[in-house]
């Protein structure tokens, strides 16, 4: 099983697929129609789907990561279960 990522901000995540072989969202849509659904998605439908997916692009929340002190020889090691 594979965890499927969210479609939010999908237009900002090129290249597509696990190996990054496709750089165009429209081409990725057409390939997924063929591979996963066994159908041929024409250019008109691919553009409509692409337009919808681009509408899912929005403002991202600001993420502030904590600054941790460097590890030393005295840093406690995690306990194993």
N, C-alpha and C. Protein backbone atom coordinates (compact mmCIF):
# COMPACT_ATOMS: atom_id res chain seq x y z
N UNK A 1 0.84 -1.18 0.00
CA UNK A 1 0.00 0.00 0.00
C UNK A 1 0.88 1.24 0.00
N UNK A 2 0.37 2.29 -0.62
CA UNK A 2 1.10 3.54 -0.73
C UNK A 2 0.23 4.65 -0.15
N UNK A 3 0.84 5.50 0.65
CA UNK A 3 0.11 6.66 1.17
C UNK A 3 -0.04 7.68 0.05
N UNK A 4 -1.24 8.11 -0.20
CA UNK A 4 -1.51 9.07 -1.26
C UNK A 4 -1.40 10.48 -0.69
N UNK A 5 -0.57 11.33 -1.30
CA UNK A 5 -0.44 12.69 -0.78
C UNK A 5 -1.68 13.53 -1.09
N UNK A 6 -1.82 14.61 -0.38
CA UNK A 6 -2.93 15.53 -0.60
C UNK A 6 -2.82 16.19 -1.97
N UNK A 7 -3.93 16.64 -2.50
CA UNK A 7 -3.93 17.35 -3.78
C UNK A 7 -3.81 18.86 -3.58
N UNK A 8 -3.85 19.31 -2.34
CA UNK A 8 -3.70 20.75 -2.09
C UNK A 8 -2.33 21.21 -2.55
N UNK A 9 -2.28 22.32 -3.27
CA UNK A 9 -1.04 22.90 -3.80
C UNK A 9 -0.31 21.97 -4.77
N UNK A 10 -1.05 21.09 -5.44
CA UNK A 10 -0.46 20.12 -6.36
C UNK A 10 0.29 20.80 -7.50
N UNK A 11 -0.16 21.97 -7.93
CA UNK A 11 0.52 22.63 -9.05
C UNK A 11 1.92 23.09 -8.68
N UNK A 12 2.22 23.13 -7.38
CA UNK A 12 3.54 23.58 -6.93
C UNK A 12 4.48 22.42 -6.63
N UNK A 13 4.07 21.20 -6.94
CA UNK A 13 4.88 20.05 -6.52
C UNK A 13 5.52 19.28 -7.66
N UNK A 14 5.60 19.87 -8.84
CA UNK A 14 6.27 19.18 -9.96
C UNK A 14 7.73 18.95 -9.61
N UNK A 15 8.33 17.92 -10.11
CA UNK A 15 7.83 16.92 -11.04
C UNK A 15 6.92 15.92 -10.33
N UNK A 16 6.14 15.21 -11.13
CA UNK A 16 5.13 14.30 -10.60
C UNK A 16 5.56 12.84 -10.68
N UNK A 17 4.91 12.02 -9.88
CA UNK A 17 5.13 10.58 -9.74
C UNK A 17 6.36 10.31 -8.88
N UNK A 18 6.48 9.08 -8.44
CA UNK A 18 7.53 8.70 -7.50
C UNK A 18 8.94 8.92 -8.06
N UNK A 19 9.07 8.91 -9.37
CA UNK A 19 10.40 9.06 -9.96
C UNK A 19 10.59 10.41 -10.64
N UNK A 20 9.62 11.30 -10.54
CA UNK A 20 9.73 12.64 -11.11
C UNK A 20 9.84 12.67 -12.62
N UNK A 21 9.21 11.72 -13.29
CA UNK A 21 9.36 11.63 -14.74
C UNK A 21 8.49 12.60 -15.52
N UNK A 22 7.47 13.17 -14.90
CA UNK A 22 6.55 14.06 -15.63
C UNK A 22 6.56 15.45 -14.97
N UNK A 23 6.79 16.47 -15.78
CA UNK A 23 6.86 17.84 -15.28
C UNK A 23 5.58 18.63 -15.54
N UNK A 24 4.69 18.12 -16.35
CA UNK A 24 3.46 18.82 -16.69
C UNK A 24 2.29 18.20 -15.93
N UNK A 25 1.52 19.03 -15.23
CA UNK A 25 0.35 18.53 -14.51
C UNK A 25 -0.65 17.91 -15.47
N UNK A 26 -0.85 18.55 -16.63
CA UNK A 26 -1.79 18.02 -17.62
C UNK A 26 -1.36 16.63 -18.09
N UNK A 27 -0.09 16.44 -18.35
CA UNK A 27 0.41 15.12 -18.78
C UNK A 27 0.27 14.10 -17.66
N UNK A 28 0.49 14.52 -16.42
CA UNK A 28 0.32 13.61 -15.29
C UNK A 28 -1.13 13.16 -15.18
N UNK A 29 -2.06 14.06 -15.40
CA UNK A 29 -3.49 13.74 -15.36
C UNK A 29 -3.82 12.71 -16.44
N UNK A 30 -3.32 12.94 -17.64
CA UNK A 30 -3.60 12.01 -18.75
C UNK A 30 -3.00 10.63 -18.47
N UNK A 31 -1.79 10.59 -17.92
CA UNK A 31 -1.16 9.31 -17.60
C UNK A 31 -1.94 8.56 -16.52
N UNK A 32 -2.38 9.28 -15.49
CA UNK A 32 -3.13 8.64 -14.40
C UNK A 32 -4.46 8.10 -14.90
N UNK A 33 -5.09 8.79 -15.84
CA UNK A 33 -6.34 8.29 -16.42
C UNK A 33 -6.10 6.96 -17.11
N UNK A 34 -5.02 6.88 -17.84
CA UNK A 34 -4.68 5.66 -18.56
C UNK A 34 -4.26 4.53 -17.62
N UNK A 35 -3.35 4.84 -16.71
CA UNK A 35 -2.76 3.82 -15.83
C UNK A 35 -3.75 3.34 -14.77
N UNK A 36 -4.40 4.28 -14.07
CA UNK A 36 -5.24 3.89 -12.94
C UNK A 36 -6.68 3.61 -13.32
N UNK A 37 -7.19 4.31 -14.33
CA UNK A 37 -8.59 4.14 -14.67
C UNK A 37 -8.82 3.36 -15.96
N UNK A 38 -7.75 3.19 -16.74
CA UNK A 38 -7.88 2.48 -18.00
C UNK A 38 -8.68 3.25 -19.04
N UNK A 39 -8.65 4.59 -18.94
CA UNK A 39 -9.38 5.43 -19.91
C UNK A 39 -8.41 6.43 -20.54
N UNK A 40 -8.80 6.94 -21.69
CA UNK A 40 -8.00 7.97 -22.35
C UNK A 40 -8.65 9.31 -22.05
N UNK A 41 -7.91 10.19 -21.40
CA UNK A 41 -8.41 11.53 -21.10
C UNK A 41 -7.92 12.45 -22.20
N UNK A 42 -8.85 13.09 -22.90
CA UNK A 42 -8.45 13.98 -23.99
C UNK A 42 -7.95 15.32 -23.43
N UNK A 43 -7.36 16.14 -24.30
CA UNK A 43 -6.79 17.41 -23.86
C UNK A 43 -7.81 18.32 -23.20
N UNK A 44 -9.02 18.37 -23.74
CA UNK A 44 -10.06 19.25 -23.19
C UNK A 44 -10.39 18.85 -21.75
N UNK A 45 -10.60 17.55 -21.50
CA UNK A 45 -10.91 17.09 -20.15
C UNK A 45 -9.71 17.26 -19.22
N UNK A 46 -8.51 17.01 -19.74
CA UNK A 46 -7.31 17.16 -18.92
C UNK A 46 -7.15 18.61 -18.48
N UNK A 47 -7.44 19.55 -19.37
CA UNK A 47 -7.35 20.97 -19.03
C UNK A 47 -8.39 21.32 -17.96
N UNK A 48 -9.59 20.75 -18.07
CA UNK A 48 -10.63 21.00 -17.05
C UNK A 48 -10.21 20.47 -15.69
N UNK A 49 -9.66 19.27 -15.67
CA UNK A 49 -9.20 18.68 -14.41
C UNK A 49 -8.04 19.49 -13.85
N UNK A 50 -7.13 19.90 -14.73
CA UNK A 50 -5.99 20.72 -14.31
C UNK A 50 -6.47 22.03 -13.70
N UNK A 51 -7.46 22.66 -14.30
CA UNK A 51 -8.01 23.91 -13.78
C UNK A 51 -8.58 23.69 -12.39
N UNK A 52 -9.30 22.58 -12.19
CA UNK A 52 -9.84 22.28 -10.86
C UNK A 52 -8.71 22.08 -9.85
N UNK A 53 -7.70 21.29 -10.23
CA UNK A 53 -6.60 21.02 -9.29
C UNK A 53 -5.85 22.31 -8.94
N UNK A 54 -5.71 23.21 -9.90
CA UNK A 54 -5.04 24.48 -9.62
C UNK A 54 -5.87 25.34 -8.67
N UNK A 55 -7.19 25.13 -8.65
CA UNK A 55 -8.03 25.89 -7.73
C UNK A 55 -7.80 25.47 -6.28
N UNK A 56 -7.13 24.35 -6.06
CA UNK A 56 -6.83 23.87 -4.71
C UNK A 56 -5.56 24.50 -4.15
N UNK A 57 -4.92 25.36 -4.95
CA UNK A 57 -3.71 26.04 -4.50
C UNK A 57 -4.10 27.19 -3.59
N UNK A 58 -3.45 27.27 -2.46
CA UNK A 58 -3.78 28.33 -1.51
C UNK A 58 -2.59 28.74 -0.69
N UNK A 59 -2.84 29.61 0.25
CA UNK A 59 -1.80 30.12 1.12
C UNK A 59 -1.39 29.02 2.09
N UNK A 60 -0.10 28.85 2.22
CA UNK A 60 0.41 27.83 3.14
C UNK A 60 0.63 28.45 4.52
N UNK A 61 0.39 27.67 5.57
CA UNK A 61 0.65 28.21 6.91
C UNK A 61 2.15 28.35 7.13
N UNK A 62 2.53 29.30 7.94
CA UNK A 62 3.94 29.46 8.29
C UNK A 62 4.31 28.40 9.31
N UNK A 63 5.37 27.68 9.05
CA UNK A 63 5.84 26.64 9.96
C UNK A 63 7.16 27.12 10.56
N UNK A 64 7.21 27.19 11.87
CA UNK A 64 8.44 27.60 12.55
C UNK A 64 8.96 26.38 13.30
N UNK A 65 10.14 25.95 12.90
CA UNK A 65 10.74 24.79 13.54
C UNK A 65 11.59 25.24 14.72
N UNK A 66 11.58 24.47 15.81
CA UNK A 66 12.40 24.85 16.97
C UNK A 66 13.89 24.68 16.66
N UNK A 67 14.70 25.52 17.25
CA UNK A 67 16.14 25.40 17.12
C UNK A 67 16.62 24.59 18.32
N UNK A 68 17.10 23.41 18.05
CA UNK A 68 17.53 22.52 19.12
C UNK A 68 19.03 22.68 19.36
N UNK A 69 19.45 22.45 20.59
CA UNK A 69 20.89 22.54 20.85
C UNK A 69 21.61 21.36 20.18
N UNK A 70 22.89 21.53 19.88
CA UNK A 70 23.62 20.42 19.26
C UNK A 70 23.75 19.25 20.23
N UNK A 71 23.79 18.05 19.67
CA UNK A 71 24.00 16.85 20.50
C UNK A 71 25.46 16.78 20.93
N UNK A 72 25.67 16.28 22.12
CA UNK A 72 27.02 16.07 22.64
C UNK A 72 27.12 14.65 23.17
N UNK A 73 28.28 14.29 23.68
CA UNK A 73 28.44 12.94 24.25
C UNK A 73 27.58 12.76 25.50
N UNK A 74 27.14 13.88 26.10
CA UNK A 74 26.29 13.81 27.30
C UNK A 74 24.80 13.85 27.00
N UNK A 75 24.44 13.99 25.73
CA UNK A 75 23.03 14.02 25.36
C UNK A 75 22.41 12.65 25.61
N UNK A 76 21.30 12.59 26.35
CA UNK A 76 20.67 11.29 26.60
C UNK A 76 20.20 10.65 25.30
N UNK A 77 20.38 9.36 25.20
CA UNK A 77 19.96 8.59 24.03
C UNK A 77 18.50 8.17 24.23
N UNK A 78 17.74 8.04 23.14
CA UNK A 78 16.35 7.58 23.28
C UNK A 78 16.32 6.15 23.82
N UNK A 79 15.29 5.87 24.58
CA UNK A 79 15.12 4.52 25.11
C UNK A 79 14.51 3.62 24.05
N UNK A 80 14.97 2.39 23.99
CA UNK A 80 14.39 1.42 23.06
C UNK A 80 13.35 0.60 23.80
N UNK A 81 12.34 0.20 23.08
CA UNK A 81 11.26 -0.57 23.71
C UNK A 81 11.54 -2.04 23.66
